[in-house]
Amino acid sequence: MIHCGSKQFGQTGAPMADHSGKSWTKEQTGQFIKLRGENDHLFTGAKNSATVAWRTILEKMGQQGKVTPLQAKKKWDNMKRKYKDCKYPGSGEGVSEKLTAAIGPGLSL
């Protein structure tokens, strides 16, 4: 679970589910965040590097074949958006800032 002020979120919007329809647990979401940070070097910007990186993360989580790299990317993008909305409520400041895999001050897993 990620906490930001009085808000908390662990799942993005609708909980992410694998192909079986089973939602991710708080632990899986935490592991997802941790692995994204540990594997930031794989996201080089080169063509298809992100797909390979997401595949690597999903494999480490035991989710390969259950969650697609595109679903993982969407989950990450939704988590970044929620983080920015929480960090910069109503200001729109978060839109232009680049969020990396590091979790900033005021957040805890």
PDB file of N, CA and C in Angstrom:
ATOM      1  N   MET A   1       0.851  -1.175   0.000  1.00  0.00           N
ATOM      2  CA  MET A   1       0.000   0.000   0.000  1.00  0.00           C
ATOM      3  C   MET A   1       0.891   1.230   0.000  1.00  0.00           C
ATOM      4  N   ILE A   2       0.606   2.171  -0.840  1.00  0.00           N
ATOM      5  CA  ILE A   2       1.344   3.416  -0.894  1.00  0.00           C
ATOM      6  C   ILE A   2       0.503   4.474  -0.193  1.00  0.00           C
ATOM      7  N   HIS A   3       1.152   5.231   0.687  1.00  0.00           N
ATOM      8  CA  HIS A   3       0.468   6.282   1.427  1.00  0.00           C
ATOM      9  C   HIS A   3       1.010   7.621   0.988  1.00  0.00           C
ATOM     10  N   CYS A   4       0.128   8.575   0.803  1.00  0.00           N
ATOM     11  CA  CYS A   4       0.522   9.940   0.481  1.00  0.00           C
ATOM     12  C   CYS A   4      -0.457  10.848   1.208  1.00  0.00           C
ATOM     13  N   GLY A   5       0.006  11.455   2.274  1.00  0.00           N
ATOM     14  CA  GLY A   5      -0.900  12.239   3.105  1.00  0.00           C
ATOM     15  C   GLY A   5      -1.962  11.319   3.662  1.00  0.00           C
ATOM     16  N   SER A   6      -3.220  11.691   3.511  1.00  0.00           N
ATOM     17  CA  SER A   6      -4.300  10.842   4.003  1.00  0.00           C
ATOM     18  C   SER A   6      -4.780   9.864   2.936  1.00  0.00           C
ATOM     19  N   LYS A   7      -4.263  10.015   1.709  1.00  0.00           N
ATOM     20  CA  LYS A   7      -4.657   9.110   0.633  1.00  0.00           C
ATOM     21  C   LYS A   7      -3.785   7.867   0.649  1.00  0.00           C
ATOM     22  N   GLN A   8      -4.345   6.783   0.191  1.00  0.00           N
ATOM     23  CA  GLN A   8      -3.557   5.576   0.051  1.00  0.00           C
ATOM     24  C   GLN A   8      -4.030   4.820  -1.170  1.00  0.00           C
ATOM     25  N   PHE A   9      -3.089   4.200  -1.830  1.00  0.00           N
ATOM     26  CA  PHE A   9      -3.438   3.384  -2.978  1.00  0.00           C
ATOM     27  C   PHE A   9      -2.400   2.289  -3.116  1.00  0.00           C
ATOM     28  N   GLY A  10      -2.867   1.124  -3.443  1.00  0.00           N
ATOM     29  CA  GLY A  10      -1.986  -0.008  -3.648  1.00  0.00           C
ATOM     30  C   GLY A  10      -2.245  -0.606  -5.005  1.00  0.00           C
ATOM     31  N   GLN A  11      -3.430  -0.449  -5.466  1.00  0.00           N
ATOM     32  CA  GLN A  11      -3.822  -0.924  -6.783  1.00  0.00           C
ATOM     33  C   GLN A  11      -4.167   0.309  -7.590  1.00  0.00           C
ATOM     34  N   THR A  12      -4.012   0.258  -8.885  1.00  0.00           N
ATOM     35  CA  THR A  12      -4.260   1.424  -9.718  1.00  0.00           C
ATOM     36  C   THR A  12      -5.660   1.365 -10.279  1.00  0.00           C
ATOM     37  N   GLY A  13      -6.464   2.377  -9.977  1.00  0.00           N
ATOM     38  CA  GLY A  13      -7.834   2.410 -10.490  1.00  0.00           C
ATOM     39  C   GLY A  13      -8.519   1.109 -10.180  1.00  0.00           C
ATOM     40  N   ALA A  14      -8.882   0.392 -11.227  1.00  0.00           N
ATOM     41  CA  ALA A  14      -9.383  -0.959 -11.044  1.00  0.00           C
ATOM     42  C   ALA A  14      -8.170  -1.830 -10.763  1.00  0.00           C
ATOM     43  N   PRO A  15      -8.265  -2.746  -9.819  1.00  0.00           N
ATOM     44  CA  PRO A  15      -7.117  -3.588  -9.509  1.00  0.00           C
ATOM     45  C   PRO A  15      -6.651  -4.327 -10.753  1.00  0.00           C
ATOM     46  N   MET A  16      -5.324  -4.435 -10.893  1.00  0.00           N
ATOM     47  CA  MET A  16      -4.773  -5.151 -12.033  1.00  0.00           C
ATOM     48  C   MET A  16      -4.971  -6.635 -11.806  1.00  0.00           C
ATOM     49  N   ALA A  17      -5.466  -7.295 -12.800  1.00  0.00           N
ATOM     50  CA  ALA A  17      -5.704  -8.730 -12.699  1.00  0.00           C
ATOM     51  C   ALA A  17      -4.883  -9.443 -13.755  1.00  0.00           C
ATOM     52  N   ASP A  18      -4.482 -10.667 -13.441  1.00  0.00           N
ATOM     53  CA  ASP A  18      -3.810 -11.460 -14.457  1.00  0.00           C
ATOM     54  C   ASP A  18      -4.883 -12.059 -15.370  1.00  0.00           C
ATOM     55  N   HIS A  19      -4.475 -12.870 -16.324  1.00  0.00           N
ATOM     56  CA  HIS A  19      -5.430 -13.413 -17.288  1.00  0.00           C
ATOM     57  C   HIS A  19      -6.486 -14.308 -16.641  1.00  0.00           C
ATOM     58  N   SER A  20      -6.223 -14.791 -15.430  1.00  0.00           N
ATOM     59  CA  SER A  20      -7.210 -15.615 -14.738  1.00  0.00           C
ATOM     60  C   SER A  20      -8.275 -14.754 -14.057  1.00  0.00           C
ATOM     61  N   GLY A  21      -8.057 -13.429 -14.043  1.00  0.00           N
ATOM     62  CA  GLY A  21      -9.003 -12.524 -13.398  1.00  0.00           C
ATOM     63  C   GLY A  21      -8.676 -12.269 -11.939  1.00  0.00           C
ATOM     64  N   LYS A  22      -7.582 -12.861 -11.442  1.00  0.00           N
ATOM     65  CA  LYS A  22      -7.184 -12.702 -10.048  1.00  0.00           C
ATOM     66  C   LYS A  22      -6.426 -11.379  -9.866  1.00  0.00           C
ATOM     67  N   SER A  23      -6.878 -10.532  -8.933  1.00  0.00           N
ATOM     68  CA  SER A  23      -6.237  -9.239  -8.684  1.00  0.00           C
ATOM     69  C   SER A  23      -4.905  -9.411  -7.975  1.00  0.00           C
ATOM     70  N   TRP A  24      -4.007  -8.437  -8.182  1.00  0.00           N
ATOM     71  CA  TRP A  24      -2.728  -8.448  -7.495  1.00  0.00           C
ATOM     72  C   TRP A  24      -2.921  -8.096  -6.030  1.00  0.00           C
ATOM     73  N   THR A  25      -2.106  -8.707  -5.189  1.00  0.00           N
ATOM     74  CA  THR A  25      -2.107  -8.391  -3.763  1.00  0.00           C
ATOM     75  C   THR A  25      -1.255  -7.148  -3.519  1.00  0.00           C
ATOM     76  N   LYS A  26      -1.331  -6.612  -2.319  1.00  0.00           N
ATOM     77  CA  LYS A  26      -0.477  -5.493  -1.932  1.00  0.00           C
ATOM     78  C   LYS A  26       0.988  -5.885  -2.061  1.00  0.00           C
ATOM     79  N   GLU A  27       1.301  -7.127  -1.685  1.00  0.00           N
ATOM     80  CA  GLU A  27       2.673  -7.612  -1.754  1.00  0.00           C
ATOM     81  C   GLU A  27       3.163  -7.662  -3.201  1.00  0.00           C
ATOM     82  N   GLN A  28       2.311  -8.114  -4.112  1.00  0.00           N
ATOM     83  CA  GLN A  28       2.696  -8.172  -5.518  1.00  0.00           C
ATOM     84  C   GLN A  28       2.904  -6.767  -6.078  1.00  0.00           C
ATOM     85  N   THR A  29       2.046  -5.840  -5.689  1.00  0.00           N
ATOM     86  CA  THR A  29       2.199  -4.462  -6.146  1.00  0.00           C
ATOM     87  C   THR A  29       3.490  -3.872  -5.598  1.00  0.00           C
ATOM     88  N   GLY A  30       3.792  -4.138  -4.342  1.00  0.00           N
ATOM     89  CA  GLY A  30       5.051  -3.678  -3.744  1.00  0.00           C
ATOM     90  C   GLY A  30       6.257  -4.282  -4.442  1.00  0.00           C
ATOM     91  N   GLN A  31       6.172  -5.562  -4.755  1.00  0.00           N
ATOM     92  CA  GLN A  31       7.260  -6.236  -5.470  1.00  0.00           C
ATOM     93  C   GLN A  31       7.431  -5.631  -6.863  1.00  0.00           C
ATOM     94  N   PHE A  32       6.322  -5.305  -7.516  1.00  0.00           N
ATOM     95  CA  PHE A  32       6.338  -4.687  -8.837  1.00  0.00           C
ATOM     96  C   PHE A  32       7.097  -3.360  -8.793  1.00  0.00           C
ATOM     97  N   ILE A  33       6.804  -2.530  -7.798  1.00  0.00           N
ATOM     98  CA  ILE A  33       7.475  -1.240  -7.639  1.00  0.00           C
ATOM     99  C   ILE A  33       8.963  -1.447  -7.382  1.00  0.00           C
ATOM    100  N   LYS A  34       9.279  -2.365  -6.492  1.00  0.00           N
ATOM    101  CA  LYS A  34      10.674  -2.640  -6.140  1.00  0.00           C
ATOM    102  C   LYS A  34      11.456  -3.131  -7.356  1.00  0.00           C
ATOM    103  N   LEU A  35      10.890  -4.080  -8.089  1.00  0.00           N
ATOM    104  CA  LEU A  35      11.578  -4.618  -9.258  1.00  0.00           C
ATOM    105  C   LEU A  35      11.738  -3.580 -10.361  1.00  0.00           C
ATOM    106  N   ARG A  36      10.755  -2.686 -10.498  1.00  0.00           N
ATOM    107  CA  ARG A  36      10.880  -1.618 -11.507  1.00  0.00           C
ATOM    108  C   ARG A  36      12.073  -0.736 -11.162  1.00  0.00           C
ATOM    109  N   GLY A  37      12.248  -0.440  -9.889  1.00  0.00           N
ATOM    110  CA  GLY A  37      13.395   0.361  -9.461  1.00  0.00           C
ATOM    111  C   GLY A  37      14.715  -0.352  -9.665  1.00  0.00           C
ATOM    112  N   GLU A  38      14.757  -1.620  -9.310  1.00  0.00           N
ATOM    113  CA  GLU A  38      15.983  -2.400  -9.455  1.00  0.00           C
ATOM    114  C   GLU A  38      16.362  -2.629 -10.909  1.00  0.00           C
ATOM    115  N   ASN A  39      15.402  -2.544 -11.801  1.00  0.00           N
ATOM    116  CA  ASN A  39      15.654  -2.810 -13.220  1.00  0.00           C
ATOM    117  C   ASN A  39      15.535  -1.558 -14.086  1.00  0.00           C
ATOM    118  N   ASP A  40      15.676  -0.399 -13.475  1.00  0.00           N
ATOM    119  CA  ASP A  40      15.563   0.859 -14.206  1.00  0.00           C
ATOM    120  C   ASP A  40      16.554   0.925 -15.369  1.00  0.00           C
ATOM    121  N   HIS A  41      17.720   0.310 -15.199  1.00  0.00           N
ATOM    122  CA  HIS A  41      18.748   0.329 -16.240  1.00  0.00           C
ATOM    123  C   HIS A  41      18.308  -0.376 -17.528  1.00  0.00           C
ATOM    124  N   LEU A  42      17.285  -1.216 -17.456  1.00  0.00           N
ATOM    125  CA  LEU A  42      16.798  -1.917 -18.647  1.00  0.00           C
ATOM    126  C   LEU A  42      15.929  -1.026 -19.530  1.00  0.00           C
ATOM    127  N   PHE A  43      15.417   0.062 -18.975  1.00  0.00           N
ATOM    128  CA  PHE A  43      14.551   0.981 -19.704  1.00  0.00           C
ATOM    129  C   PHE A  43      15.427   2.049 -20.357  1.00  0.00           C
ATOM    130  N   THR A  44      16.073   1.670 -21.462  1.00  0.00           N
ATOM    131  CA  THR A  44      17.080   2.522 -22.097  1.00  0.00           C
ATOM    132  C   THR A  44      16.493   3.517 -23.081  1.00  0.00           C
ATOM    133  N   GLY A  45      15.279   3.310 -23.502  1.00  0.00           N
ATOM    134  CA  GLY A  45      14.693   4.156 -24.528  1.00  0.00           C
ATOM    135  C   GLY A  45      14.905   3.599 -25.924  1.00  0.00           C
ATOM    136  N   ALA A  46      15.744   2.574 -26.037  1.00  0.00           N
ATOM    137  CA  ALA A  46      15.955   1.924 -27.330  1.00  0.00           C
ATOM    138  C   ALA A  46      14.678   1.177 -27.726  1.00  0.00           C
ATOM    139  N   LYS A  47      14.510   0.989 -29.003  1.00  0.00           N
ATOM    140  CA  LYS A  47      13.312   0.320 -29.521  1.00  0.00           C
ATOM    141  C   LYS A  47      13.133  -1.042 -28.841  1.00  0.00           C
ATOM    142  N   ASN A  48      11.952  -1.283 -28.344  1.00  0.00           N
ATOM    143  CA  ASN A  48      11.549  -2.531 -27.676  1.00  0.00           C
ATOM    144  C   ASN A  48      12.243  -2.802 -26.340  1.00  0.00           C
ATOM    145  N   SER A  49      13.073  -1.874 -25.849  1.00  0.00           N
ATOM    146  CA  SER A  49      13.754  -2.136 -24.577  1.00  0.00           C
ATOM    147  C   SER A  49      12.759  -2.220 -23.422  1.00  0.00           C
ATOM    148  N   ALA A  50      11.714  -1.399 -23.452  1.00  0.00           N
ATOM    149  CA  ALA A  50      10.734  -1.423 -22.366  1.00  0.00           C
ATOM    150  C   ALA A  50       9.973  -2.739 -22.349  1.00  0.00           C
ATOM    151  N   THR A  51       9.629  -3.264 -23.525  1.00  0.00           N
ATOM    152  CA  THR A  51       8.911  -4.541 -23.579  1.00  0.00           C
ATOM    153  C   THR A  51       9.760  -5.644 -22.967  1.00  0.00           C
ATOM    154  N   VAL A  52      11.031  -5.669 -23.319  1.00  0.00           N
ATOM    155  CA  VAL A  52      11.947  -6.673 -22.757  1.00  0.00           C
ATOM    156  C   VAL A  52      12.089  -6.470 -21.252  1.00  0.00           C
ATOM    157  N   ALA A  53      12.176  -5.221 -20.822  1.00  0.00           N
ATOM    158  CA  ALA A  53      12.317  -4.920 -19.393  1.00  0.00           C
ATOM    159  C   ALA A  53      11.082  -5.367 -18.614  1.00  0.00           C
ATOM    160  N   TRP A  54       9.887  -5.039 -19.127  1.00  0.00           N
ATOM    161  CA  TRP A  54       8.658  -5.456 -18.440  1.00  0.00           C
ATOM    162  C   TRP A  54       8.563  -6.972 -18.402  1.00  0.00           C
ATOM    163  N   ARG A  55       8.967  -7.631 -19.474  1.00  0.00           N
ATOM    164  CA  ARG A  55       8.959  -9.101 -19.511  1.00  0.00           C
ATOM    165  C   ARG A  55       9.869  -9.665 -18.419  1.00  0.00           C
ATOM    166  N   THR A  56      11.037  -9.052 -18.257  1.00  0.00           N
ATOM    167  CA  THR A  56      11.987  -9.481 -17.220  1.00  0.00           C
ATOM    168  C   THR A  56      11.375  -9.326 -15.828  1.00  0.00           C
ATOM    169  N   ILE A  57      10.747  -8.195 -15.585  1.00  0.00           N
ATOM    170  CA  ILE A  57      10.122  -7.942 -14.280  1.00  0.00           C
ATOM    171  C   ILE A  57       8.999  -8.937 -14.025  1.00  0.00           C
ATOM    172  N   LEU A  58       8.158  -9.161 -15.030  1.00  0.00           N
ATOM    173  CA  LEU A  58       7.049 -10.107 -14.873  1.00  0.00           C
ATOM    174  C   LEU A  58       7.557 -11.524 -14.630  1.00  0.00           C
ATOM    175  N   GLU A  59       8.646 -11.881 -15.287  1.00  0.00           N
ATOM    176  CA  GLU A  59       9.236 -13.210 -15.078  1.00  0.00           C
ATOM    177  C   GLU A  59       9.715 -13.357 -13.639  1.00  0.00           C
ATOM    178  N   LYS A  60      10.396 -12.324 -13.110  1.00  0.00           N
ATOM    179  CA  LYS A  60      10.887 -12.356 -11.729  1.00  0.00           C
ATOM    180  C   LYS A  60       9.740 -12.442 -10.728  1.00  0.00           C
ATOM    181  N   MET A  61       8.581 -11.904 -11.110  1.00  0.00           N
ATOM    182  CA  MET A  61       7.401 -11.938 -10.238  1.00  0.00           C
ATOM    183  C   MET A  61       6.604 -13.227 -10.396  1.00  0.00           C
ATOM    184  N   GLY A  62       6.957 -14.042 -11.393  1.00  0.00           N
ATOM    185  CA  GLY A  62       6.168 -15.244 -11.667  1.00  0.00           C
ATOM    186  C   GLY A  62       4.865 -14.920 -12.376  1.00  0.00           C
ATOM    187  N   GLN A  63       4.809 -13.768 -13.056  1.00  0.00           N
ATOM    188  CA  GLN A  63       3.581 -13.327 -13.720  1.00  0.00           C
ATOM    189  C   GLN A  63       3.672 -13.417 -15.247  1.00  0.00           C
ATOM    190  N   GLN A  64       4.824 -13.872 -15.768  1.00  0.00           N
ATOM    191  CA  GLN A  64       4.959 -13.974 -17.218  1.00  0.00           C
ATOM    192  C   GLN A  64       3.948 -14.992 -17.730  1.00  0.00           C
ATOM    193  N   GLY A  65       3.238 -14.628 -18.777  1.00  0.00           N
ATOM    194  CA  GLY A  65       2.183 -15.480 -19.310  1.00  0.00           C
ATOM    195  C   GLY A  65       0.828 -15.194 -18.670  1.00  0.00           C
ATOM    196  N   LYS A  66       0.839 -14.501 -17.544  1.00  0.00           N
ATOM    197  CA  LYS A  66      -0.396 -14.120 -16.864  1.00  0.00           C
ATOM    198  C   LYS A  66      -0.705 -12.645 -17.087  1.00  0.00           C
ATOM    199  N   VAL A  67       0.351 -11.832 -17.161  1.00  0.00           N
ATOM    200  CA  VAL A  67       0.239 -10.394 -17.377  1.00  0.00           C
ATOM    201  C   VAL A  67       1.142 -10.051 -18.555  1.00  0.00           C
ATOM    202  N   THR A  68       0.645  -9.262 -19.488  1.00  0.00           N
ATOM    203  CA  THR A  68       1.449  -8.887 -20.647  1.00  0.00           C
ATOM    204  C   THR A  68       2.333  -7.688 -20.319  1.00  0.00           C
ATOM    205  N   PRO A  69       3.414  -7.509 -21.076  1.00  0.00           N
ATOM    206  CA  PRO A  69       4.233  -6.314 -20.875  1.00  0.00           C
ATOM    207  C   PRO A  69       3.425  -5.027 -21.045  1.00  0.00           C
ATOM    208  N   LEU A  70       2.465  -5.009 -21.950  1.00  0.00           N
ATOM    209  CA  LEU A  70       1.625  -3.821 -22.136  1.00  0.00           C
ATOM    210  C   LEU A  70       0.785  -3.548 -20.885  1.00  0.00           C
ATOM    211  N   GLN A  71       0.239  -4.599 -20.268  1.00  0.00           N
ATOM    212  CA  GLN A  71      -0.528  -4.413 -19.031  1.00  0.00           C
ATOM    213  C   GLN A  71       0.375  -3.880 -17.921  1.00  0.00           C
ATOM    214  N   ALA A  72       1.605  -4.385 -17.844  1.00  0.00           N
ATOM    215  CA  ALA A  72       2.550  -3.919 -16.826  1.00  0.00           C
ATOM    216  C   ALA A  72       2.866  -2.436 -17.047  1.00  0.00           C
ATOM    217  N   LYS A  73       3.088  -2.041 -18.302  1.00  0.00           N
ATOM    218  CA  LYS A  73       3.360  -0.644 -18.621  1.00  0.00           C
ATOM    219  C   LYS A  73       2.183   0.237 -18.213  1.00  0.00           C
ATOM    220  N   LYS A  74       0.974  -0.214 -18.520  1.00  0.00           N
ATOM    221  CA  LYS A  74      -0.216   0.568 -18.160  1.00  0.00           C
ATOM    222  C   LYS A  74      -0.348   0.703 -16.649  1.00  0.00           C
ATOM    223  N   LYS A  75      -0.053  -0.378 -15.931  1.00  0.00           N
ATOM    224  CA  LYS A  75      -0.121  -0.325 -14.469  1.00  0.00           C
ATOM    225  C   LYS A  75       0.893   0.703 -13.952  1.00  0.00           C
ATOM    226  N   TRP A  76       2.118   0.665 -14.466  1.00  0.00           N
ATOM    227  CA  TRP A  76       3.146   1.601 -14.036  1.00  0.00           C
ATOM    228  C   TRP A  76       2.729   3.037 -14.347  1.00  0.00           C
ATOM    229  N   ASP A  77       2.214   3.263 -15.553  1.00  0.00           N
ATOM    230  CA  ASP A  77       1.771   4.605 -15.937  1.00  0.00           C
ATOM    231  C   ASP A  77       0.648   5.095 -15.026  1.00  0.00           C
ATOM    232  N   ASN A  78      -0.286   4.226 -14.685  1.00  0.00           N
ATOM    233  CA  ASN A  78      -1.378   4.596 -13.773  1.00  0.00           C
ATOM    234  C   ASN A  78      -0.848   4.909 -12.376  1.00  0.00           C
ATOM    235  N   MET A  79       0.134   4.133 -11.926  1.00  0.00           N
ATOM    236  CA  MET A  79       0.720   4.378 -10.604  1.00  0.00           C
ATOM    237  C   MET A  79       1.454   5.724 -10.593  1.00  0.00           C
ATOM    238  N   LYS A  80       2.174   6.038 -11.677  1.00  0.00           N
ATOM    239  CA  LYS A  80       2.854   7.332 -11.765  1.00  0.00           C
ATOM    240  C   LYS A  80       1.842   8.468 -11.733  1.00  0.00           C
ATOM    241  N   ARG A  81       0.750   8.320 -12.483  1.00  0.00           N
ATOM    242  CA  ARG A  81      -0.274   9.349 -12.524  1.00  0.00           C
ATOM    243  C   ARG A  81      -0.875   9.559 -11.137  1.00  0.00           C
ATOM    244  N   LYS A  82      -1.181   8.475 -10.440  1.00  0.00           N
ATOM    245  CA  LYS A  82      -1.758   8.598  -9.090  1.00  0.00           C
ATOM    246  C   LYS A  82      -0.766   9.240  -8.124  1.00  0.00           C
ATOM    247  N   TYR A  83       0.507   8.883  -8.267  1.00  0.00           N
ATOM    248  CA  TYR A  83       1.536   9.480  -7.420  1.00  0.00           C
ATOM    249  C   TYR A  83       1.595  10.990  -7.657  1.00  0.00           C
ATOM    250  N   LYS A  84       1.617  11.390  -8.932  1.00  0.00           N
ATOM    251  CA  LYS A  84       1.682  12.809  -9.268  1.00  0.00           C
ATOM    252  C   LYS A  84       0.444  13.544  -8.777  1.00  0.00           C
ATOM    253  N   ASP A  85      -0.731  12.923  -8.930  1.00  0.00           N
ATOM    254  CA  ASP A  85      -1.971  13.537  -8.450  1.00  0.00           C
ATOM    255  C   ASP A  85      -1.936  13.738  -6.943  1.00  0.00           C
ATOM    256  N   CYS A  86      -1.332  12.805  -6.247  1.00  0.00           N
ATOM    257  CA  CYS A  86      -1.246  12.886  -4.791  1.00  0.00           C
ATOM    258  C   CYS A  86      -0.188  13.912  -4.366  1.00  0.00           C
ATOM    259  N   LYS A  87       0.946  13.901  -5.045  1.00  0.00           N
ATOM    260  CA  LYS A  87       2.035  14.799  -4.687  1.00  0.00           C
ATOM    261  C   LYS A  87       1.727  16.247  -5.042  1.00  0.00           C
ATOM    262  N   TYR A  88       1.030  16.452  -6.156  1.00  0.00           N
ATOM    263  CA  TYR A  88       0.712  17.801  -6.629  1.00  0.00           C
ATOM    264  C   TYR A  88      -0.794  17.927  -6.847  1.00  0.00           C
ATOM    265  N   PRO A  89      -1.598  17.837  -5.793  1.00  0.00           N
ATOM    266  CA  PRO A  89      -3.051  17.864  -5.975  1.00  0.00           C
ATOM    267  C   PRO A  89      -3.542  19.170  -6.610  1.00  0.00           C
ATOM    268  N   GLY A  90      -4.239  19.028  -7.722  1.00  0.00           N
ATOM    269  CA  GLY A  90      -4.865  20.161  -8.373  1.00  0.00           C
ATOM    270  C   GLY A  90      -3.930  21.169  -9.009  1.00  0.00           C
ATOM    271  N   SER A  91      -2.619  20.955  -8.925  1.00  0.00           N
ATOM    272  CA  SER A  91      -1.699  21.969  -9.441  1.00  0.00           C
ATOM    273  C   SER A  91      -1.285  21.705 -10.874  1.00  0.00           C
ATOM    274  N   GLY A  92      -1.339  20.445 -11.292  1.00  0.00           N
ATOM    275  CA  GLY A  92      -0.880  20.103 -12.624  1.00  0.00           C
ATOM    276  C   GLY A  92       0.630  20.071 -12.731  1.00  0.00           C
ATOM    277  N   GLU A  93       1.344  20.343 -11.617  1.00  0.00           N
ATOM    278  CA  GLU A  93       2.809  20.371 -11.641  1.00  0.00           C
ATOM    279  C   GLU A  93       3.401  19.021 -12.004  1.00  0.00           C
ATOM    280  N   GLY A  94       2.763  17.951 -11.579  1.00  0.00           N
ATOM    281  CA  GLY A  94       3.323  16.628 -11.786  1.00  0.00           C
ATOM    282  C   GLY A  94       3.334  16.186 -13.229  1.00  0.00           C
ATOM    283  N   VAL A  95       2.570  16.835 -14.064  1.00  0.00           N
ATOM    284  CA  VAL A  95       2.448  16.418 -15.453  1.00  0.00           C
ATOM    285  C   VAL A  95       3.776  16.493 -16.187  1.00  0.00           C
ATOM    286  N   SER A  96       4.573  17.528 -15.938  1.00  0.00           N
ATOM    287  CA  SER A  96       5.800  17.702 -16.698  1.00  0.00           C
ATOM    288  C   SER A  96       7.012  17.062 -16.029  1.00  0.00           C
ATOM    289  N   GLU A  97       6.897  16.651 -14.788  1.00  0.00           N
ATOM    290  CA  GLU A  97       8.037  16.078 -14.103  1.00  0.00           C
ATOM    291  C   GLU A  97       8.180  14.612 -14.424  1.00  0.00           C
ATOM    292  N   LYS A  98       9.422  14.162 -14.554  1.00  0.00           N
ATOM    293  CA  LYS A  98       9.693  12.762 -14.853  1.00  0.00           C
ATOM    294  C   LYS A  98       9.805  11.988 -13.544  1.00  0.00           C
ATOM    295  N   LEU A  99       9.022  10.953 -13.426  1.00  0.00           N
ATOM    296  CA  LEU A  99       9.060  10.099 -12.254  1.00  0.00           C
ATOM    297  C   LEU A  99       9.834   8.845 -12.611  1.00  0.00           C
ATOM    298  N   THR A 100      10.834   8.534 -11.815  1.00  0.00           N
ATOM    299  CA  THR A 100      11.583   7.309 -12.048  1.00  0.00           C
ATOM    300  C   THR A 100      11.045   6.240 -11.119  1.00  0.00           C
ATOM    301  N   ALA A 101      11.683   5.124 -11.083  1.00  0.00           N
ATOM    302  CA  ALA A 101      11.227   4.019 -10.267  1.00  0.00           C
ATOM    303  C   ALA A 101      11.426   4.282  -8.777  1.00  0.00           C
ATOM    304  N   ALA A 102      12.219   5.277  -8.417  1.00  0.00           N
ATOM    305  CA  ALA A 102      12.445   5.570  -7.010  1.00  0.00           C
ATOM    306  C   ALA A 102      11.172   6.095  -6.383  1.00  0.00           C
ATOM    307  N   ILE A 103      10.912   5.678  -5.157  1.00  0.00           N
ATOM    308  CA  ILE A 103       9.749   6.151  -4.422  1.00  0.00           C
ATOM    309  C   ILE A 103      10.183   7.354  -3.611  1.00  0.00           C
ATOM    310  N   GLY A 104       9.468   8.444  -3.759  1.00  0.00           N
ATOM    311  CA  GLY A 104       9.855   9.705  -3.140  1.00  0.00           C
ATOM    312  C   GLY A 104       9.475   9.809  -1.687  1.00  0.00           C
ATOM    313  N   PRO A 105       9.881  10.901  -1.055  1.00  0.00           N
ATOM    314  CA  PRO A 105       9.554  11.147   0.352  1.00  0.00           C
ATOM    315  C   PRO A 105       8.041  11.192   0.545  1.00  0.00           C
ATOM    316  N   GLY A 106       7.603  10.725   1.680  1.00  0.00           N
ATOM    317  CA  GLY A 106       6.177  10.740   1.980  1.00  0.00           C
ATOM    318  C   GLY A 106       5.455   9.505   1.503  1.00  0.00           C
ATOM    319  N   LEU A 107       6.169   8.617   0.857  1.00  0.00           N
ATOM    320  CA  LEU A 107       5.545   7.378   0.403  1.00  0.00           C
ATOM    321  C   LEU A 107       6.174   6.211   1.130  1.00  0.00           C
ATOM    322  N   SER A 108       5.369   5.225   1.414  1.00  0.00           N
ATOM    323  CA  SER A 108       5.883   4.017   2.025  1.00  0.00           C
ATOM    324  C   SER A 108       5.135   2.830   1.469  1.00  0.00           C
ATOM    325  N   LEU A 109       5.792   1.715   1.425  1.00  0.00           N
ATOM    326  CA  LEU A 109       5.149   0.491   0.958  1.00  0.00           C
ATOM    327  C   LEU A 109       4.592  -0.269   2.126  1.00  0.00           C
TER     328      LEU A 109
END
